[in-house]
PDB file of N, CA and C in Angstrom:
ATOM      1  N   MET A   1      29.447   0.782  32.300  1.00  0.00           N
ATOM      2  CA  MET A   1      28.319   2.167  32.070  1.00  0.00           C
ATOM      3  C   MET A   1      28.402   3.457  31.535  1.00  0.00           C
ATOM      4  N   PRO A   2      27.460   3.745  30.875  1.00  0.00           N
ATOM      5  CA  PRO A   2      27.680   5.257  30.321  1.00  0.00           C
ATOM      6  C   PRO A   2      28.456   6.148  30.623  1.00  0.00           C
ATOM      7  N   ILE A   3      29.111   7.163  29.510  1.00  0.00           N
ATOM      8  CA  ILE A   3      29.730   8.011  30.468  1.00  0.00           C
ATOM      9  C   ILE A   3      29.414   9.301  30.242  1.00  0.00           C
ATOM     10  N   ILE A   4      28.842   9.376  28.752  1.00  0.00           N
ATOM     11  CA  ILE A   4      28.596  10.299  28.132  1.00  0.00           C
ATOM     12  C   ILE A   4      27.303  10.846  28.462  1.00  0.00           C
ATOM     13  N   LYS A   5      26.380  11.817  29.009  1.00  0.00           N
ATOM     14  CA  LYS A   5      25.579  12.835  28.734  1.00  0.00           C
ATOM     15  C   LYS A   5      23.396  12.220  29.183  1.00  0.00           C
ATOM     16  N   SER A   6      24.011  11.828  26.853  1.00  0.00           N
ATOM     17  CA  SER A   6      22.597  11.477  25.787  1.00  0.00           C
ATOM     18  C   SER A   6      23.081   9.228  26.611  1.00  0.00           C
ATOM     19  N   ALA A   7      23.731   8.745  26.618  1.00  0.00           N
ATOM     20  CA  ALA A   7      23.161   7.280  26.972  1.00  0.00           C
ATOM     21  C   ALA A   7      23.561   7.567  28.320  1.00  0.00           C
ATOM     22  N   LYS A   8      23.468   8.247  29.495  1.00  0.00           N
ATOM     23  CA  LYS A   8      23.237   7.817  30.594  1.00  0.00           C
ATOM     24  C   LYS A   8      21.546   8.610  30.484  1.00  0.00           C
ATOM     25  N   LYS A   9      21.207   9.431  29.837  1.00  0.00           N
ATOM     26  CA  LYS A   9      19.958   9.151  29.566  1.00  0.00           C
ATOM     27  C   LYS A   9      19.207   7.950  28.894  1.00  0.00           C
ATOM     28  N   ALA A  10      19.677   7.448  27.987  1.00  0.00           N
ATOM     29  CA  ALA A  10      18.976   6.857  26.806  1.00  0.00           C
ATOM     30  C   ALA A  10      19.235   5.376  27.762  1.00  0.00           C
ATOM     31  N   ALA A  11      19.994   5.059  28.637  1.00  0.00           N
ATOM     32  CA  ALA A  11      20.073   3.866  29.954  1.00  0.00           C
ATOM     33  C   ALA A  11      18.343   3.685  31.103  1.00  0.00           C
ATOM     34  N   ARG A  12      18.633   5.328  30.518  1.00  0.00           N
ATOM     35  CA  ARG A  12      17.412   5.474  32.225  1.00  0.00           C
ATOM     36  C   ARG A  12      16.104   5.130  31.029  1.00  0.00           C
ATOM     37  N   GLN A  13      15.994   5.614  30.174  1.00  0.00           N
ATOM     38  CA  GLN A  13      14.636   5.563  29.251  1.00  0.00           C
ATOM     39  C   GLN A  13      13.828   3.788  29.234  1.00  0.00           C
ATOM     40  N   ALA A  14      15.400   3.350  28.933  1.00  0.00           N
ATOM     41  CA  ALA A  14      15.373   1.864  28.562  1.00  0.00           C
ATOM     42  C   ALA A  14      15.090   1.399  29.743  1.00  0.00           C
ATOM     43  N   VAL A  15      15.744   1.444  30.753  1.00  0.00           N
ATOM     44  CA  VAL A  15      14.528   1.261  31.888  1.00  0.00           C
ATOM     45  C   VAL A  15      14.351   1.774  31.840  1.00  0.00           C
ATOM     46  N   LYS A  16      12.611   2.267  32.242  1.00  0.00           N
ATOM     47  CA  LYS A  16      11.581   2.948  32.363  1.00  0.00           C
ATOM     48  C   LYS A  16      10.359   2.310  31.151  1.00  0.00           C
ATOM     49  N   ARG A  17      11.060   1.814  29.590  1.00  0.00           N
ATOM     50  CA  ARG A  17      10.306   1.503  29.056  1.00  0.00           C
ATOM     51  C   ARG A  17      10.266  -0.138  28.792  1.00  0.00           C
ATOM     52  N   THR A  18      11.701  -0.362  29.257  1.00  0.00           N
ATOM     53  CA  THR A  18      11.287  -2.590  29.290  1.00  0.00           C
ATOM     54  C   THR A  18       9.994  -2.107  30.975  1.00  0.00           C
ATOM     55  N   GLU A  19       9.706  -1.728  31.689  1.00  0.00           N
ATOM     56  CA  GLU A  19       9.175  -1.949  32.852  1.00  0.00           C
ATOM     57  C   GLU A  19       8.070  -1.531  32.392  1.00  0.00           C
ATOM     58  N   HIS A  20       7.133  -0.469  31.762  1.00  0.00           N
ATOM     59  CA  HIS A  20       6.202  -0.148  30.983  1.00  0.00           C
ATOM     60  C   HIS A  20       6.192  -1.236  30.116  1.00  0.00           C
ATOM     61  N   ASN A  21       6.426  -1.893  28.982  1.00  0.00           N
ATOM     62  CA  ASN A  21       6.508  -3.270  27.878  1.00  0.00           C
ATOM     63  C   ASN A  21       5.603  -4.493  29.137  1.00  0.00           C
ATOM     64  N   ALA A  22       6.603  -4.337  30.052  1.00  0.00           N
ATOM     65  CA  ALA A  22       6.511  -6.031  31.076  1.00  0.00           C
ATOM     66  C   ALA A  22       5.083  -5.379  31.881  1.00  0.00           C
ATOM     67  N   GLU A  23       4.848  -4.819  32.262  1.00  0.00           N
ATOM     68  CA  GLU A  23       3.155  -4.370  33.112  1.00  0.00           C
ATOM     69  C   GLU A  23       1.965  -4.305  31.846  1.00  0.00           C
ATOM     70  N   ILE A  24       2.305  -4.124  30.757  1.00  0.00           N
ATOM     71  CA  ILE A  24       1.580  -4.423  29.535  1.00  0.00           C
ATOM     72  C   ILE A  24       1.090  -6.297  28.925  1.00  0.00           C
ATOM     73  N   LYS A  25       2.351  -6.562  28.948  1.00  0.00           N
ATOM     74  CA  LYS A  25       2.213  -7.489  28.573  1.00  0.00           C
ATOM     75  C   LYS A  25       1.471  -8.578  29.901  1.00  0.00           C
ATOM     76  N   LYS A  26       1.956  -8.237  31.043  1.00  0.00           N
ATOM     77  CA  LYS A  26       1.344  -8.625  32.123  1.00  0.00           C
ATOM     78  C   LYS A  26      -0.170  -8.591  32.223  1.00  0.00           C
ATOM     79  N   ALA A  27      -0.407  -7.421  32.038  1.00  0.00           N
ATOM     80  CA  ALA A  27      -1.952  -7.032  31.837  1.00  0.00           C
ATOM     81  C   ALA A  27      -2.526  -8.308  30.932  1.00  0.00           C
ATOM     82  N   ILE A  28      -1.589  -8.749  29.258  1.00  0.00           N
ATOM     83  CA  ILE A  28      -2.277  -9.126  28.846  1.00  0.00           C
ATOM     84  C   ILE A  28      -3.238 -10.974  29.554  1.00  0.00           C
ATOM     85  N   LYS A  29      -1.615 -11.368  29.417  1.00  0.00           N
ATOM     86  CA  LYS A  29      -1.307 -12.924  30.022  1.00  0.00           C
ATOM     87  C   LYS A  29      -2.495 -12.503  31.709  1.00  0.00           C
ATOM     88  N   LEU A  30      -3.358 -12.119  31.904  1.00  0.00           N
ATOM     89  CA  LEU A  30      -3.606 -11.959  33.580  1.00  0.00           C
ATOM     90  C   LEU A  30      -5.088 -11.548  32.433  1.00  0.00           C
ATOM     91  N   ALA A  31      -4.885 -10.989  31.585  1.00  0.00           N
ATOM     92  CA  ALA A  31      -6.932 -10.770  31.061  1.00  0.00           C
ATOM     93  C   ALA A  31      -7.038 -12.544  30.824  1.00  0.00           C
ATOM     94  N   ILE A  32      -6.196 -12.875  29.591  1.00  0.00           N
ATOM     95  CA  ILE A  32      -5.857 -14.226  28.767  1.00  0.00           C
ATOM     96  C   ILE A  32      -6.359 -15.168  30.120  1.00  0.00           C
ATOM     97  N   LYS A  33      -5.290 -14.969  31.241  1.00  0.00           N
ATOM     98  CA  LYS A  33      -5.907 -16.300  31.857  1.00  0.00           C
ATOM     99  C   LYS A  33      -6.706 -16.152  32.963  1.00  0.00           C
ATOM    100  N   ASP A  34      -7.941 -15.206  32.871  1.00  0.00           N
ATOM    101  CA  ASP A  34      -9.103 -14.618  33.421  1.00  0.00           C
ATOM    102  C   ASP A  34     -10.071 -15.303  32.730  1.00  0.00           C
ATOM    103  N   PHE A  35      -9.776 -14.945  31.305  1.00  0.00           N
ATOM    104  CA  PHE A  35     -10.873 -14.995  30.582  1.00  0.00           C
ATOM    105  C   PHE A  35     -11.159 -16.941  30.041  1.00  0.00           C
ATOM    106  N   LYS A  36      -9.695 -17.018  29.730  1.00  0.00           N
ATOM    107  CA  LYS A  36     -10.046 -19.201  29.705  1.00  0.00           C
ATOM    108  C   LYS A  36     -10.632 -19.942  31.402  1.00  0.00           C
ATOM    109  N   LYS A  37     -10.110 -19.401  32.103  1.00  0.00           N
ATOM    110  CA  LYS A  37     -10.888 -19.602  33.900  1.00  0.00           C
ATOM    111  C   LYS A  37     -11.715 -19.476  33.944  1.00  0.00           C
ATOM    112  N   ASN A  38     -12.755 -18.567  32.799  1.00  0.00           N
ATOM    113  CA  ASN A  38     -14.799 -18.270  33.929  1.00  0.00           C
ATOM    114  C   ASN A  38     -14.647 -17.420  31.481  1.00  0.00           C
ATOM    115  N   PRO A  39     -14.302 -17.810  30.348  1.00  0.00           N
ATOM    116  CA  PRO A  39     -15.078 -17.477  30.001  1.00  0.00           C
ATOM    117  C   PRO A  39     -16.245 -16.633  29.376  1.00  0.00           C
ATOM    118  N   SER A  40     -16.121 -16.020  29.135  1.00  0.00           N
ATOM    119  CA  SER A  40     -17.661 -14.782  29.188  1.00  0.00           C
ATOM    120  C   SER A  40     -17.423 -13.601  28.350  1.00  0.00           C
ATOM    121  N   ALA A  41     -18.349 -13.423  27.398  1.00  0.00           N
ATOM    122  CA  ALA A  41     -17.847 -12.163  26.441  1.00  0.00           C
ATOM    123  C   ALA A  41     -17.327 -10.765  26.779  1.00  0.00           C
ATOM    124  N   GLU A  42     -17.648 -10.386  28.149  1.00  0.00           N
ATOM    125  CA  GLU A  42     -16.822  -9.803  28.456  1.00  0.00           C
ATOM    126  C   GLU A  42     -15.632  -9.638  29.372  1.00  0.00           C
ATOM    127  N   MET A  43     -15.809 -10.622  29.644  1.00  0.00           N
ATOM    128  CA  MET A  43     -13.502 -11.728  29.388  1.00  0.00           C
ATOM    129  C   MET A  43     -13.329 -11.425  28.018  1.00  0.00           C
ATOM    130  N   LEU A  44     -13.755 -11.965  26.937  1.00  0.00           N
ATOM    131  CA  LEU A  44     -12.756 -11.556  26.133  1.00  0.00           C
ATOM    132  C   LEU A  44     -12.861 -10.676  25.322  1.00  0.00           C
ATOM    133  N   ALA A  45     -13.401  -9.058  25.518  1.00  0.00           N
ATOM    134  CA  ALA A  45     -13.772  -7.856  24.949  1.00  0.00           C
ATOM    135  C   ALA A  45     -12.226  -7.074  25.737  1.00  0.00           C
ATOM    136  N   LYS A  46     -12.395  -7.860  27.030  1.00  0.00           N
ATOM    137  CA  LYS A  46     -11.375  -7.802  28.112  1.00  0.00           C
ATOM    138  C   LYS A  46      -9.995  -8.190  27.255  1.00  0.00           C
ATOM    139  N   ALA A  47     -10.041  -9.019  26.754  1.00  0.00           N
ATOM    140  CA  ALA A  47      -8.138  -9.453  26.753  1.00  0.00           C
ATOM    141  C   ALA A  47      -8.406  -9.329  25.359  1.00  0.00           C
ATOM    142  N   GLN A  48      -9.443  -8.964  24.547  1.00  0.00           N
ATOM    143  CA  GLN A  48      -8.854  -9.006  22.501  1.00  0.00           C
ATOM    144  C   GLN A  48      -8.414  -7.299  23.165  1.00  0.00           C
ATOM    145  N   SER A  49      -9.231  -6.129  24.438  1.00  0.00           N
ATOM    146  CA  SER A  49      -8.658  -5.110  23.594  1.00  0.00           C
ATOM    147  C   SER A  49      -7.392  -5.018  24.211  1.00  0.00           C
ATOM    148  N   GLU A  50      -6.785  -6.120  25.069  1.00  0.00           N
ATOM    149  CA  GLU A  50      -5.149  -5.312  25.441  1.00  0.00           C
ATOM    150  C   GLU A  50      -4.231  -6.091  24.761  1.00  0.00           C
ATOM    151  N   ILE A  51      -5.224  -7.006  24.448  1.00  0.00           N
ATOM    152  CA  ILE A  51      -3.906  -7.457  22.848  1.00  0.00           C
ATOM    153  C   ILE A  51      -3.298  -6.221  22.123  1.00  0.00           C
ATOM    154  N   ASP A  52      -4.670  -5.682  20.939  1.00  0.00           N
ATOM    155  CA  ASP A  52      -5.723  -4.475  20.810  1.00  0.00           C
ATOM    156  C   ASP A  52      -3.886  -3.082  20.824  1.00  0.00           C
ATOM    157  N   LYS A  53      -4.053  -3.374  22.214  1.00  0.00           N
ATOM    158  CA  LYS A  53      -3.192  -1.804  22.943  1.00  0.00           C
ATOM    159  C   LYS A  53      -2.195  -2.163  22.647  1.00  0.00           C
ATOM    160  N   ALA A  54      -1.345  -3.693  23.080  1.00  0.00           N
ATOM    161  CA  ALA A  54       0.453  -4.048  22.791  1.00  0.00           C
ATOM    162  C   ALA A  54      -0.055  -4.225  21.020  1.00  0.00           C
ATOM    163  N   VAL A  55      -0.728  -3.802  20.562  1.00  0.00           N
ATOM    164  CA  VAL A  55       0.301  -3.968  19.623  1.00  0.00           C
ATOM    165  C   VAL A  55      -0.511  -2.347  18.637  1.00  0.00           C
ATOM    166  N   LYS A  56      -1.133  -1.342  19.254  1.00  0.00           N
ATOM    167  CA  LYS A  56      -1.096   0.037  19.313  1.00  0.00           C
ATOM    168  C   LYS A  56       0.186   0.527  19.990  1.00  0.00           C
ATOM    169  N   LYS A  57       0.443  -0.092  20.488  1.00  0.00           N
ATOM    170  CA  LYS A  57       2.018   0.414  20.915  1.00  0.00           C
ATOM    171  C   LYS A  57       3.361  -0.568  20.363  1.00  0.00           C
ATOM    172  N   ASP A  58       2.900  -1.014  19.516  1.00  0.00           N
ATOM    173  CA  ASP A  58       4.045  -2.222  18.756  1.00  0.00           C
ATOM    174  C   ASP A  58       5.094  -3.059  19.650  1.00  0.00           C
ATOM    175  N   LEU A  59       4.206  -3.298  20.840  1.00  0.00           N
ATOM    176  CA  LEU A  59       4.471  -4.300  21.705  1.00  0.00           C
ATOM    177  C   LEU A  59       4.604  -5.600  21.260  1.00  0.00           C
ATOM    178  N   ILE A  60       3.890  -5.743  20.536  1.00  0.00           N
ATOM    179  CA  ILE A  60       3.585  -6.905  19.739  1.00  0.00           C
ATOM    180  C   ILE A  60       3.599  -6.775  18.360  1.00  0.00           C
ATOM    181  N   LYS A  61       2.595  -8.249  17.372  1.00  0.00           N
ATOM    182  CA  LYS A  61       3.094  -8.111  15.665  1.00  0.00           C
ATOM    183  C   LYS A  61       1.579  -8.410  15.596  1.00  0.00           C
ATOM    184  N   LYS A  62       0.908  -7.747  14.417  1.00  0.00           N
ATOM    185  CA  LYS A  62      -0.022  -7.640  14.783  1.00  0.00           C
ATOM    186  C   LYS A  62      -0.261  -8.985  13.953  1.00  0.00           C
ATOM    187  N   ASN A  63      -0.394  -9.919  13.518  1.00  0.00           N
ATOM    188  CA  ASN A  63      -0.344 -11.466  13.109  1.00  0.00           C
ATOM    189  C   ASN A  63       0.066 -11.607  14.342  1.00  0.00           C
ATOM    190  N   THR A  64       0.868 -11.580  15.465  1.00  0.00           N
ATOM    191  CA  THR A  64       0.515 -12.095  17.098  1.00  0.00           C
ATOM    192  C   THR A  64      -0.772 -12.528  17.510  1.00  0.00           C
ATOM    193  N   ALA A  65      -1.087 -10.442  17.417  1.00  0.00           N
ATOM    194  CA  ALA A  65      -2.601 -10.690  17.907  1.00  0.00           C
ATOM    195  C   ALA A  65      -2.899 -10.913  17.285  1.00  0.00           C
ATOM    196  N   ALA A  66      -3.866 -10.888  16.056  1.00  0.00           N
ATOM    197  CA  ALA A  66      -4.359 -12.315  14.948  1.00  0.00           C
ATOM    198  C   ALA A  66      -4.155 -13.004  15.696  1.00  0.00           C
ATOM    199  N   ARG A  67      -3.269 -14.143  15.900  1.00  0.00           N
ATOM    200  CA  ARG A  67      -3.326 -15.404  16.360  1.00  0.00           C
ATOM    201  C   ARG A  67      -3.767 -15.667  18.008  1.00  0.00           C
ATOM    202  N   ARG A  68      -3.800 -14.600  18.037  1.00  0.00           N
ATOM    203  CA  ARG A  68      -3.778 -15.072  20.023  1.00  0.00           C
ATOM    204  C   ARG A  68      -5.539 -14.793  20.146  1.00  0.00           C
ATOM    205  N   LYS A  69      -5.798 -13.755  19.309  1.00  0.00           N
ATOM    206  CA  LYS A  69      -7.090 -13.161  18.893  1.00  0.00           C
ATOM    207  C   LYS A  69      -7.839 -14.767  19.013  1.00  0.00           C
ATOM    208  N   ALA A  70      -7.512 -15.149  17.717  1.00  0.00           N
ATOM    209  CA  ALA A  70      -8.124 -16.712  17.223  1.00  0.00           C
ATOM    210  C   ALA A  70      -8.567 -17.801  18.028  1.00  0.00           C
ATOM    211  N   VAL A  71      -7.549 -17.843  19.145  1.00  0.00           N
ATOM    212  CA  VAL A  71      -7.336 -18.261  19.637  1.00  0.00           C
ATOM    213  C   VAL A  71      -8.614 -18.487  20.808  1.00  0.00           C
ATOM    214  N   LEU A  72      -8.503 -17.233  21.092  1.00  0.00           N
ATOM    215  CA  LEU A  72      -9.300 -16.612  22.752  1.00  0.00           C
ATOM    216  C   LEU A  72     -11.243 -16.917  21.283  1.00  0.00           C
ATOM    217  N   HIS A  73     -11.197 -16.387  20.700  1.00  0.00           N
ATOM    218  CA  HIS A  73     -12.100 -16.902  19.644  1.00  0.00           C
ATOM    219  C   HIS A  73     -12.678 -18.128  20.373  1.00  0.00           C
ATOM    220  N   LYS A  74     -11.746 -19.382  19.634  1.00  0.00           N
ATOM    221  CA  LYS A  74     -11.739 -20.885  19.537  1.00  0.00           C
ATOM    222  C   LYS A  74     -12.661 -21.449  20.938  1.00  0.00           C
ATOM    223  N   ILE A  75     -11.395 -20.126  22.208  1.00  0.00           N
ATOM    224  CA  ILE A  75     -11.881 -21.718  23.492  1.00  0.00           C
ATOM    225  C   ILE A  75     -13.330 -20.236  23.375  1.00  0.00           C
ATOM    226  N   ALA A  76     -13.283 -19.444  23.037  1.00  0.00           N
ATOM    227  CA  ALA A  76     -15.308 -19.081  23.210  1.00  0.00           C
ATOM    228  C   ALA A  76     -16.075 -19.731  22.913  1.00  0.00           C
ATOM    229  N   LYS A  77     -15.655 -20.000  21.776  1.00  0.00           N
ATOM    230  CA  LYS A  77     -16.514 -20.847  20.343  1.00  0.00           C
ATOM    231  C   LYS A  77     -16.780 -22.756  21.020  1.00  0.00           C
ATOM    232  N   ASP A  78     -16.149 -22.774  21.558  1.00  0.00           N
ATOM    233  CA  ASP A  78     -16.073 -24.155  22.098  1.00  0.00           C
ATOM    234  C   ASP A  78     -16.939 -23.976  23.655  1.00  0.00           C
ATOM    235  N   ALA A  79     -16.606 -23.232  24.556  1.00  0.00           N
ATOM    236  CA  ALA A  79     -17.614 -22.861  26.037  1.00  0.00           C
ATOM    237  C   ALA A  79     -18.554 -22.066  25.789  1.00  0.00           C
ATOM    238  N   GLY A  80     -19.427 -21.916  24.204  1.00  0.00           N
ATOM    239  CA  GLY A  80     -20.924 -21.301  24.183  1.00  0.00           C
ATOM    240  C   GLY A  80     -21.052 -20.389  24.354  1.00  0.00           C
ATOM    241  N   VAL A  81     -19.939 -19.438  24.973  1.00  0.00           N
ATOM    242  CA  VAL A  81     -19.612 -18.254  24.194  1.00  0.00           C
ATOM    243  C   VAL A  81     -21.092 -17.230  23.290  1.00  0.00           C
ATOM    244  N   LYS A  82     -21.208 -16.692  23.751  1.00  0.00           N
ATOM    245  CA  LYS A  82     -23.074 -15.651  22.925  1.00  0.00           C
ATOM    246  C   LYS A  82     -21.373 -14.745  22.528  1.00  0.00           C
ATOM    247  N   LEU A  83     -20.763 -14.423  21.051  1.00  0.00           N
ATOM    248  CA  LEU A  83     -20.315 -13.419  20.606  1.00  0.00           C
ATOM    249  C   LEU A  83     -21.007 -12.154  19.845  1.00  0.00           C
ATOM    250  N   VAL A  84     -21.038 -10.888  20.644  1.00  0.00           N
ATOM    251  CA  VAL A  84     -21.481  -9.653  19.696  1.00  0.00           C
ATOM    252  C   VAL A  84     -21.002  -8.820  19.078  1.00  0.00           C
ATOM    253  N   ALA A  85     -20.970  -8.856  17.991  1.00  0.00           N
ATOM    254  CA  ALA A  85     -20.468  -7.452  16.780  1.00  0.00           C
ATOM    255  C   ALA A  85     -20.730  -6.301  17.526  1.00  0.00           C
ATOM    256  N   LYS A  86     -20.102  -5.765  17.771  1.00  0.00           N
ATOM    257  CA  LYS A  86     -19.516  -4.250  18.007  1.00  0.00           C
ATOM    258  C   LYS A  86     -20.366  -3.553  17.068  1.00  0.00           C
ATOM    259  N   LYS A  87     -20.244  -3.809  15.687  1.00  0.00           N
ATOM    260  CA  LYS A  87     -20.111  -2.864  14.585  1.00  0.00           C
ATOM    261  C   LYS A  87     -21.290  -2.825  13.757  1.00  0.00           C
ATOM    262  N   GLU A  88     -21.651  -4.264  14.185  1.00  0.00           N
ATOM    263  CA  GLU A  88     -23.183  -4.486  14.263  1.00  0.00           C
ATOM    264  C   GLU A  88     -24.263  -3.817  14.884  1.00  0.00           C
ATOM    265  N   ALA A  89     -23.882  -3.610  16.225  1.00  0.00           N
ATOM    266  CA  ALA A  89     -24.789  -3.189  17.096  1.00  0.00           C
ATOM    267  C   ALA A  89     -25.224  -1.463  16.908  1.00  0.00           C
ATOM    268  N   LYS A  90     -23.750  -0.667  16.503  1.00  0.00           N
ATOM    269  CA  LYS A  90     -23.904   0.618  15.949  1.00  0.00           C
ATOM    270  C   LYS A  90     -24.420   1.001  14.477  1.00  0.00           C
ATOM    271  N   ALA A  91     -24.308   0.203  14.030  1.00  0.00           N
ATOM    272  CA  ALA A  91     -24.747   0.822  12.899  1.00  0.00           C
ATOM    273  C   ALA A  91     -25.697   0.975  12.044  1.00  0.00           C
ATOM    274  N   PRO A  92     -27.016  -0.251  13.115  1.00  0.00           N
ATOM    275  CA  PRO A  92     -28.818   0.524  12.724  1.00  0.00           C
ATOM    276  C   PRO A  92     -28.333   2.322  13.392  1.00  0.00           C
ATOM    277  N   ALA A  93     -27.864   2.848  15.180  1.00  0.00           N
ATOM    278  CA  ALA A  93     -28.297   3.964  14.879  1.00  0.00           C
ATOM    279  C   ALA A  93     -27.713   5.123  14.842  1.00  0.00           C
ATOM    280  N   LYS A  94     -26.817   4.840  14.040  1.00  0.00           N
ATOM    281  CA  LYS A  94     -25.688   6.099  13.192  1.00  0.00           C
ATOM    282  C   LYS A  94     -26.851   6.621  12.321  1.00  0.00           C
ATOM    283  N   ALA A  95     -27.363   5.115  11.253  1.00  0.00           N
ATOM    284  CA  ALA A  95     -28.322   4.958   9.940  1.00  0.00           C
ATOM    285  C   ALA A  95     -29.481   5.669  10.878  1.00  0.00           C
ATOM    286  N   ALA A  96     -30.525   5.359  11.722  1.00  0.00           N
ATOM    287  CA  ALA A  96     -31.655   5.918  11.983  1.00  0.00           C
ATOM    288  C   ALA A  96     -31.383   7.668  12.420  1.00  0.00           C
ATOM    289  N   THR A  97     -29.903   8.288  13.179  1.00  0.00           N
ATOM    290  CA  THR A  97     -29.835   9.420  12.754  1.00  0.00           C
ATOM    291  C   THR A  97     -30.002  10.471  12.373  1.00  0.00           C
ATOM    292  N   THR A  98     -29.182   9.969  10.974  1.00  0.00           N
ATOM    293  CA  THR A  98     -28.285  10.638   9.508  1.00  0.00           C
ATOM    294  C   THR A  98     -30.018  10.507   8.765  1.00  0.00           C
ATOM    295  N   LYS A  99     -31.055  10.170   8.949  1.00  0.00           N
ATOM    296  CA  LYS A  99     -31.896  10.096   8.173  1.00  0.00           C
ATOM    297  C   LYS A  99     -33.252  10.935   8.841  1.00  0.00           C
ATOM    298  N   LYS A 100     -32.811  11.756  10.185  1.00  0.00           N
ATOM    299  CA  LYS A 100     -33.770  12.027  10.474  1.00  0.00           C
ATOM    300  C   LYS A 100     -33.087  13.963  10.134  1.00  0.00           C
ATOM    301  N   ALA A 101     -32.072  13.849  10.302  1.00  0.00           N
ATOM    302  CA  ALA A 101     -31.169  14.682  10.131  1.00  0.00           C
ATOM    303  C   ALA A 101     -31.659  15.123   8.653  1.00  0.00           C
ATOM    304  N   ALA A 102     -30.948  14.365   7.749  1.00  0.00           N
ATOM    305  CA  ALA A 102     -31.826  14.468   6.481  1.00  0.00           C
ATOM    306  C   ALA A 102     -33.478  15.277   6.501  1.00  0.00           C
ATOM    307  N   ALA A 103     -34.716  14.357   7.088  1.00  0.00           N
ATOM    308  CA  ALA A 103     -35.340  14.615   7.151  1.00  0.00           C
ATOM    309  C   ALA A 103     -35.695  16.112   7.944  1.00  0.00           C
ATOM    310  N   LYS A 104     -34.837  16.612   8.222  1.00  0.00           N
ATOM    311  CA  LYS A 104     -34.896  17.915   8.711  1.00  0.00           C
ATOM    312  C   LYS A 104     -35.081  18.781   8.200  1.00  0.00           C
ATOM    313  N   LYS A 105     -33.681  18.932   7.471  1.00  0.00           N
ATOM    314  CA  LYS A 105     -33.210  19.607   6.492  1.00  0.00           C
ATOM    315  C   LYS A 105     -34.234  19.499   5.525  1.00  0.00           C
ATOM    316  N   THR A 106     -34.897  19.205   4.885  1.00  0.00           N
ATOM    317  CA  THR A 106     -35.678  18.832   3.898  1.00  0.00           C
ATOM    318  C   THR A 106     -36.308  19.982   3.752  1.00  0.00           C
ATOM    319  N   GLN A 107     -37.771  19.542   5.332  1.00  0.00           N
ATOM    320  CA  GLN A 107     -37.862  20.546   6.113  1.00  0.00           C
ATOM    321  C   GLN A 107     -38.135  21.637   6.005  1.00  0.00           C
ATOM    322  N   SER A 108     -36.882  22.666   6.321  1.00  0.00           N
ATOM    323  CA  SER A 108     -36.604  24.116   6.297  1.00  0.00           C
ATOM    324  C   SER A 108     -36.409  24.461   5.315  1.00  0.00           C
ATOM    325  N   LYS A 109     -36.026  23.642   3.798  1.00  0.00           N
ATOM    326  CA  LYS A 109     -35.615  24.256   2.606  1.00  0.00           C
ATOM    327  C   LYS A 109     -37.586  24.896   2.266  1.00  0.00           C
ATOM    328  N   ALA A 110     -38.182  24.078   2.981  1.00  0.00           N
ATOM    329  CA  ALA A 110     -40.389  23.395   2.433  1.00  0.00           C
ATOM    330  C   ALA A 110     -40.265  24.700   2.820  1.00  0.00           C
ATOM    331  N   THR A 111     -39.887  25.131   4.062  1.00  0.00           N
ATOM    332  CA  THR A 111     -40.527  26.495   4.862  1.00  0.00           C
ATOM    333  C   THR A 111     -39.822  27.402   3.298  1.00  0.00           C
ATOM    334  N   ALA A 112     -38.374  27.710   4.206  1.00  0.00           N
ATOM    335  CA  ALA A 112     -37.805  28.349   3.026  1.00  0.00           C
ATOM    336  C   ALA A 112     -38.473  29.325   1.821  1.00  0.00           C
ATOM    337  N   ASP A 113     -38.626  28.081   1.242  1.00  0.00           N
ATOM    338  CA  ASP A 113     -39.310  27.845  -0.510  1.00  0.00           C
ATOM    339  C   ASP A 113     -40.890  29.346  -0.467  1.00  0.00           C
ATOM    340  N   LYS A 114     -41.383  28.806   0.955  1.00  0.00           N
ATOM    341  CA  LYS A 114     -42.706  28.855   0.904  1.00  0.00           C
ATOM    342  C   LYS A 114     -42.515  30.856   1.898  1.00  0.00           C
ATOM    343  N   LYS A 115     -41.460  31.044   2.278  1.00  0.00           N
ATOM    344  CA  LYS A 115     -41.701  32.522   2.431  1.00  0.00           C
ATOM    345  C   LYS A 115     -40.789  33.158   1.629  1.00  0.00           C
TER     346      LYS A 115
END
């Protein structure tokens, strides 16, 4: 048992962190289990999200996360789940808004030149 005040606090923090980390790992396992039971694009996204959160919090390493996500993708491919890339869906929308904004700026410059 720690005697020094800072050591007591460190022991309390360690217990809290251990419980928190266990909850996150349990969420990952549950999401993967649900995905394996019922493979769908939504379940895949949820499982990947849980894995990415764990990497962000340094709970698992990047390569471990990549390996687990690759396994999930293989399961999804074998089950015939259609995968939609988020970046591809968002890219055209951004390009369209920037073009409109550029067009408005050129019109305002043209009217400013006339005055």
